[in-house]
Every structure is written in structure tokens, then in C-alpha cells.
């Protein structure tokens, strides 16, 4: 009887797989439910034991853009790492997560600065303009490193037209800074601010840059209404879900255990 139930269960999964994997075929509510079920399965796989817990909504937005960039051939598929800055949070909180999607491990959860033109403790305004000294929202693909004013730094290629595609010309990079530290917060109640770069601590700049360089996804997130409504990679319909998405629906097999 148990074998029969198992085969029936597998048949159901197979029947569902067309809808799960081919996210672009039928549309509608069921399709979105399947997408969210899969996203939740990836999110639940992440081990936040030793870090702050990233908002699911922010993760889901980041992961959707990550998949769209991946399917467009813009990411290094041999390095499935996603970095997420949640700029809804104050600069005094650890609002940068670097996550290994395959292992579910949080590689880093640490402080990150926003641009001085974006606000004080909270980032509230954003720009793609030269000399604005504001942070730019959206998806980036990490590039190569160089040694500059702040030592080793990581170039960022902005992928969202009109939001961050001027990142290279503006010199928006990941770099270390002395104003990104718990000690600085203790004396000022907030981090120092950059000229628009997602600056990290001097102590962690090298390991973070090594982990994310060379074609990985960085998402700088905020609930900014215009960005949420119009950004391309965030709103682009997924072509499909990964082939292993079907496995996210096999949890019900647990009920078959005696």
C-alpha cells in the first residue's frame, strides 16, 4: 500500500512539474503560487542561525532578479552567490547578506554604508546621477578588482537602466572604509556614509570581495515605489524555474512515512 501511495505521489509531482518548471506557459494565480512555493523552499533552506534573518520579501525580490540575470547569461553560473543590501534598515544594523544559494550558508551578514546624499541613519533617496553622492537601487553584476584610494575595491556593473547603469562611470564599487564599524556606531549612533558606494568594513573587505567577485549578483533593495513598479529585472516574468523546482513539492511525501 505504501509503495502504491508513493507512486501516486510521484505521478502527481510529475503532473505538476510542467506548471512548476514552465513558469511562462499558463499564467494566473496558480503559476504565482508555484513560484512563491519554490522561492519559500529556497529561503527556508538558508541557515540564519548565526545571522540576522533577512526579510522574505526582500529575498524573494532578490532571487527573482538573480534568476532573470542568470537566464540572460549575465552571471557566473559556477559561483551561485547572491549579495543583498536591505536599505530599508538603518545603517546601525547588519543589513548586508552574502548567501551561498547552493549550500544555504550565510557567508557574511555585516554592516554596509549608503551614500551621504541618500540620508543620515536611513537611506531615503536614490540616484543614478554623477556627483549626487547617493546610493543606486537595483541589480548589479560584480566585476574585477583594482587597487585604489581605499585599497582593494570591486567594480560593479549596474544592470537596471535608469537606476544604476551609471555605476561604472560614477565609480560605484565595493570598498572598505574606517567609518563602517561597530566602534563608529558606538560614537555616532550610525555608520559614516560613502559617496554612493556600498562600503564595508576594512576588516571584512578582502574576504567579502574575494567571495563575490567575478560575475555574482548584488541587489541593493529598498521599498521605493517607483523602483518596485518599473525596474526591469525585478518585474520581468521568469522564463521558467530551475529544473530542481519540482523537488520543492515533494515535502508532502513525509506524510507517507509509517
Protein backbone atom coordinates (compact mmCIF):
# COMPACT_ATOMS: atom_id res chain seq x y z
CA UNK A 1 0.00 0.00 0.00
CA UNK A 2 2.82 2.38 0.89
CA UNK A 3 4.50 1.71 -2.49
CA UNK A 4 1.24 2.46 -4.25
CA UNK A 5 0.91 5.77 -2.40
CA UNK A 6 4.49 6.63 -3.23
CA UNK A 7 3.95 6.01 -6.95
CA UNK A 8 0.72 8.02 -6.87
CA UNK A 9 2.61 10.83 -5.16
CA UNK A 10 5.37 10.79 -7.75
CA UNK A 11 2.77 10.82 -10.54
CA UNK A 12 1.17 13.91 -9.01
CA UNK A 13 4.56 15.64 -8.81
CA UNK A 14 5.27 14.77 -12.43
CA UNK A 15 1.89 16.13 -13.44
CA UNK A 16 2.59 19.36 -11.59
CA UNK A 17 6.10 19.73 -12.94
CA UNK A 18 5.00 21.29 -16.21
CA UNK A 19 3.41 24.15 -14.31
CA UNK A 20 6.30 24.45 -11.87
CA UNK A 21 9.14 24.47 -14.37
CA UNK A 22 7.48 26.25 -17.27
CA UNK A 23 6.56 29.39 -15.40
CA UNK A 24 5.68 31.24 -18.58
CA UNK A 25 3.08 28.94 -20.12
CA UNK A 26 -0.27 29.28 -18.41
CA UNK A 27 0.00 32.33 -16.15
CA UNK A 28 -2.53 33.15 -13.47
CA UNK A 29 -2.75 32.64 -9.76
CA UNK A 30 -1.60 29.00 -9.75
CA UNK A 31 1.61 29.93 -11.53
CA UNK A 32 2.44 32.63 -8.98
CA UNK A 33 1.67 30.21 -6.14
CA UNK A 34 4.13 27.70 -7.58
CA UNK A 35 6.80 30.38 -7.94
CA UNK A 36 6.32 31.52 -4.36
CA UNK A 37 6.34 27.93 -3.08
CA UNK A 38 9.68 27.39 -4.75
CA UNK A 39 11.10 30.69 -3.50
CA UNK A 40 9.98 29.77 0.02
CA UNK A 41 11.73 26.41 -0.28
CA UNK A 42 15.00 28.16 -1.17
CA UNK A 43 14.52 30.73 1.61
CA UNK A 44 13.75 28.02 4.18
CA UNK A 45 16.96 26.24 3.13
CA UNK A 46 19.06 29.23 4.22
CA UNK A 47 20.63 28.88 7.65
CA UNK A 48 20.17 32.17 9.51
CA UNK A 49 21.25 30.64 12.85
CA UNK A 50 24.30 32.86 13.20
CA UNK A 51 22.98 35.95 11.45
CA UNK A 52 20.06 38.33 11.42
CA UNK A 53 17.14 36.97 9.42
CA UNK A 54 16.69 38.59 6.04
CA UNK A 55 13.12 39.58 5.17
CA UNK A 56 11.46 37.00 2.92
CA UNK A 57 10.02 39.75 0.70
CA UNK A 58 13.47 41.24 0.11
CA UNK A 59 14.93 37.79 -0.54
CA UNK A 60 12.16 36.87 -3.00
CA UNK A 61 12.74 40.07 -4.99
CA UNK A 62 16.49 39.46 -4.99
CA UNK A 63 16.13 35.82 -6.03
CA UNK A 64 13.74 36.62 -8.86
CA UNK A 65 16.16 39.15 -10.30
CA UNK A 66 19.03 36.72 -9.76
CA UNK A 67 17.23 34.05 -11.81
CA UNK A 68 16.38 36.53 -14.57
CA UNK A 69 20.01 37.64 -14.78
CA UNK A 70 21.16 34.03 -14.76
CA UNK A 71 18.82 33.07 -17.61
CA UNK A 72 20.03 36.09 -19.57
CA UNK A 73 23.58 34.69 -19.35
CA UNK A 74 24.83 37.62 -17.28
CA UNK A 75 26.02 35.71 -14.20
CA UNK A 76 28.85 33.31 -13.47
CA UNK A 77 26.94 30.03 -13.18
CA UNK A 78 29.87 28.40 -11.42
CA UNK A 79 29.50 30.78 -8.47
CA UNK A 80 25.92 30.74 -7.19
CA UNK A 81 26.23 33.52 -4.63
CA UNK A 82 23.81 36.37 -4.09
CA UNK A 83 24.55 39.52 -2.08
CA UNK A 84 21.66 41.57 -0.72
CA UNK A 85 21.69 45.05 0.86
CA UNK A 86 18.41 45.87 2.60
CA UNK A 87 18.39 49.66 2.69
CA UNK A 88 15.03 49.74 4.45
CA UNK A 89 17.08 49.04 7.59
CA UNK A 90 19.11 51.67 9.48
CA UNK A 91 22.85 51.80 8.93
CA UNK A 92 23.42 50.74 12.54
CA UNK A 93 22.10 47.25 11.70
CA UNK A 94 23.81 44.45 9.79
CA UNK A 95 21.96 44.88 6.53
CA UNK A 96 24.25 43.13 4.04
CA UNK A 97 23.84 39.40 3.47
CA UNK A 98 26.11 37.31 1.25
CA UNK A 99 24.45 33.94 0.67
CA UNK A 100 25.61 30.73 -1.00
CA UNK A 101 22.41 29.61 -2.70
CA UNK A 102 23.57 26.01 -3.15
CA UNK A 103 24.62 25.31 0.43
CA UNK A 104 22.18 27.70 2.06
CA UNK A 105 25.02 29.17 4.09
CA UNK A 106 25.14 32.85 5.03
CA UNK A 107 28.75 33.67 4.23
CA UNK A 108 28.54 37.20 5.65
CA UNK A 109 25.95 39.27 7.47
CA UNK A 110 27.52 42.59 8.20
CA UNK A 111 27.38 46.38 8.14
CA UNK A 112 27.24 48.31 4.88
CA UNK A 113 27.18 52.06 4.27
CA UNK A 114 24.93 54.05 1.96
CA UNK A 115 25.67 57.29 0.13
CA UNK A 116 25.76 60.56 2.07
CA UNK A 117 23.29 62.08 -0.37
CA UNK A 118 20.77 59.34 0.40
CA UNK A 119 20.15 60.21 4.03
CA UNK A 120 21.55 60.02 7.54
CA UNK A 121 20.78 56.85 9.52
CA UNK A 122 18.34 55.66 6.87
CA UNK A 123 18.76 55.74 3.10
CA UNK A 124 15.71 57.59 1.80
CA UNK A 125 16.60 58.89 -1.65
CA UNK A 126 18.48 57.32 -4.52
CA UNK A 127 20.06 58.47 -7.75
CA UNK A 128 21.92 57.28 -10.82
CA UNK A 129 23.48 60.72 -11.37
CA UNK A 130 27.13 61.70 -11.23
CA UNK A 131 28.10 63.73 -8.14
CA UNK A 132 24.78 63.01 -6.41
CA UNK A 133 26.66 61.01 -3.75
CA UNK A 134 23.52 58.89 -3.47
CA UNK A 135 23.19 55.13 -3.48
CA UNK A 136 21.65 53.49 -6.54
CA UNK A 137 18.99 50.81 -6.23
CA UNK A 138 18.82 47.62 -8.21
CA UNK A 139 20.73 44.66 -9.52
CA UNK A 140 24.46 44.63 -10.15
CA UNK A 141 26.86 42.05 -11.53
CA UNK A 142 30.24 42.08 -9.83
CA UNK A 143 33.29 42.65 -11.98
CA UNK A 144 37.03 42.77 -11.46
CA UNK A 145 39.12 44.18 -8.63
CA UNK A 146 41.63 47.02 -8.59
CA UNK A 147 43.70 48.85 -6.00
CA UNK A 148 42.51 52.40 -5.47
CA UNK A 149 42.11 55.07 -2.83
CA UNK A 150 40.55 52.58 -0.43
CA UNK A 151 42.86 49.67 -1.26
CA UNK A 152 41.37 46.64 -2.97
CA UNK A 153 37.99 47.52 -4.47
CA UNK A 154 35.44 45.67 -6.59
CA UNK A 155 33.87 47.14 -9.72
CA UNK A 156 30.10 46.88 -10.07
CA UNK A 157 28.16 46.71 -13.32
CA UNK A 158 24.70 48.23 -12.87
CA UNK A 159 22.03 46.21 -14.68
CA UNK A 160 18.96 48.39 -14.10
CA UNK A 161 18.68 51.07 -16.78
CA UNK A 162 17.93 54.47 -15.30
CA UNK A 163 18.53 53.25 -11.76
CA UNK A 164 22.15 52.08 -11.55
CA UNK A 165 23.54 51.65 -15.06
CA UNK A 166 25.91 54.60 -14.48
CA UNK A 167 27.66 52.73 -11.66
CA UNK A 168 30.93 52.19 -13.54
CA UNK A 169 31.20 55.78 -14.74
CA UNK A 170 30.33 57.06 -11.25
CA UNK A 171 32.95 54.83 -9.66
CA UNK A 172 30.41 52.93 -7.56
CA UNK A 173 32.36 49.99 -6.13
CA UNK A 174 32.59 47.75 -3.08
CA UNK A 175 35.41 49.01 -0.88
CA UNK A 176 36.44 49.10 2.75
CA UNK A 177 36.11 52.15 4.99
CA UNK A 178 37.02 53.04 8.55
CA UNK A 179 33.59 54.57 9.11
CA UNK A 180 31.97 51.13 8.73
CA UNK A 181 32.43 49.56 12.16
CA UNK A 182 30.69 48.89 15.46
CA UNK A 183 33.10 51.36 17.05
CA UNK A 184 31.96 54.13 14.72
CA UNK A 185 28.32 53.34 15.53
CA UNK A 186 29.06 53.46 19.26
CA UNK A 187 30.32 57.03 18.92
CA UNK A 188 27.83 58.28 16.34
CA UNK A 189 24.71 56.06 16.62
CA UNK A 190 25.01 55.33 12.89
CA UNK A 191 27.61 54.48 10.27
CA UNK A 192 29.56 57.02 8.30
CA UNK A 193 28.48 57.41 4.69
CA UNK A 194 30.12 56.94 1.33
CA UNK A 195 29.83 58.83 -1.94
CA UNK A 196 27.33 56.25 -3.15
CA UNK A 197 29.32 53.03 -2.74
CA UNK A 198 28.15 50.04 -0.69
CA UNK A 199 31.18 50.32 1.60
CA UNK A 200 32.00 47.55 4.08
CA UNK A 201 34.42 47.35 6.99
CA UNK A 202 38.15 47.40 6.34
CA UNK A 203 38.39 44.14 8.29
CA UNK A 204 35.99 42.27 6.00
CA UNK A 205 36.58 43.94 2.64
CA UNK A 206 39.08 41.36 1.38
CA UNK A 207 37.12 38.19 2.24
CA UNK A 208 33.86 39.72 1.01
CA UNK A 209 35.37 40.88 -2.26
CA UNK A 210 37.03 37.51 -2.82
CA UNK A 211 33.72 35.74 -2.20
CA UNK A 212 31.59 37.83 -4.55
CA UNK A 213 33.93 38.99 -7.34
CA UNK A 214 33.71 37.68 -10.87
CA UNK A 215 30.11 37.70 -12.04
CA UNK A 216 27.87 37.28 -8.99
CA UNK A 217 24.64 39.12 -8.26
CA UNK A 218 24.35 42.06 -5.87
CA UNK A 219 20.92 43.52 -5.12
CA UNK A 220 20.53 46.86 -3.37
CA UNK A 221 16.95 46.85 -2.11
CA UNK A 222 14.52 49.46 -0.84
CA UNK A 223 10.73 49.73 -0.83
CA UNK A 224 10.96 52.76 -3.17
CA UNK A 225 7.66 52.67 -5.04
CA UNK A 226 8.94 53.77 -8.44
CA UNK A 227 11.71 51.19 -8.45
CA UNK A 228 9.38 48.43 -7.31
CA UNK A 229 6.88 49.22 -10.07
CA UNK A 230 9.18 49.81 -13.01
CA UNK A 231 12.56 48.08 -12.60
CA UNK A 232 13.17 45.62 -15.43
CA UNK A 233 14.84 42.64 -13.75
CA UNK A 234 12.53 42.77 -10.76
CA UNK A 235 9.36 42.82 -12.85
CA UNK A 236 10.43 40.63 -15.76
CA UNK A 237 8.40 37.43 -15.90
CA UNK A 238 10.50 34.37 -15.19
CA UNK A 239 11.10 32.20 -18.25
CA UNK A 240 10.98 29.12 -16.05
CA UNK A 241 12.04 27.84 -12.66
CA UNK A 242 15.14 25.71 -12.20
CA UNK A 243 14.68 22.04 -13.04
CA UNK A 244 15.07 21.13 -9.37
CA UNK A 245 11.99 23.20 -8.58
CA UNK A 246 9.87 20.04 -8.73
CA UNK A 247 11.70 18.78 -5.66
CA UNK A 248 10.26 21.64 -3.66
CA UNK A 249 6.85 19.98 -3.96
CA UNK A 250 7.88 16.58 -2.63
CA UNK A 251 7.65 17.58 1.03
CA UNK A 252 4.17 16.06 1.17
CA UNK A 253 5.87 12.66 0.83
CA UNK A 254 6.62 12.95 4.54
CA UNK A 255 3.00 12.02 5.25
CA UNK A 256 3.59 8.64 3.62
CA UNK A 257 6.03 7.60 6.31
CA UNK A 258 4.58 4.94 8.66
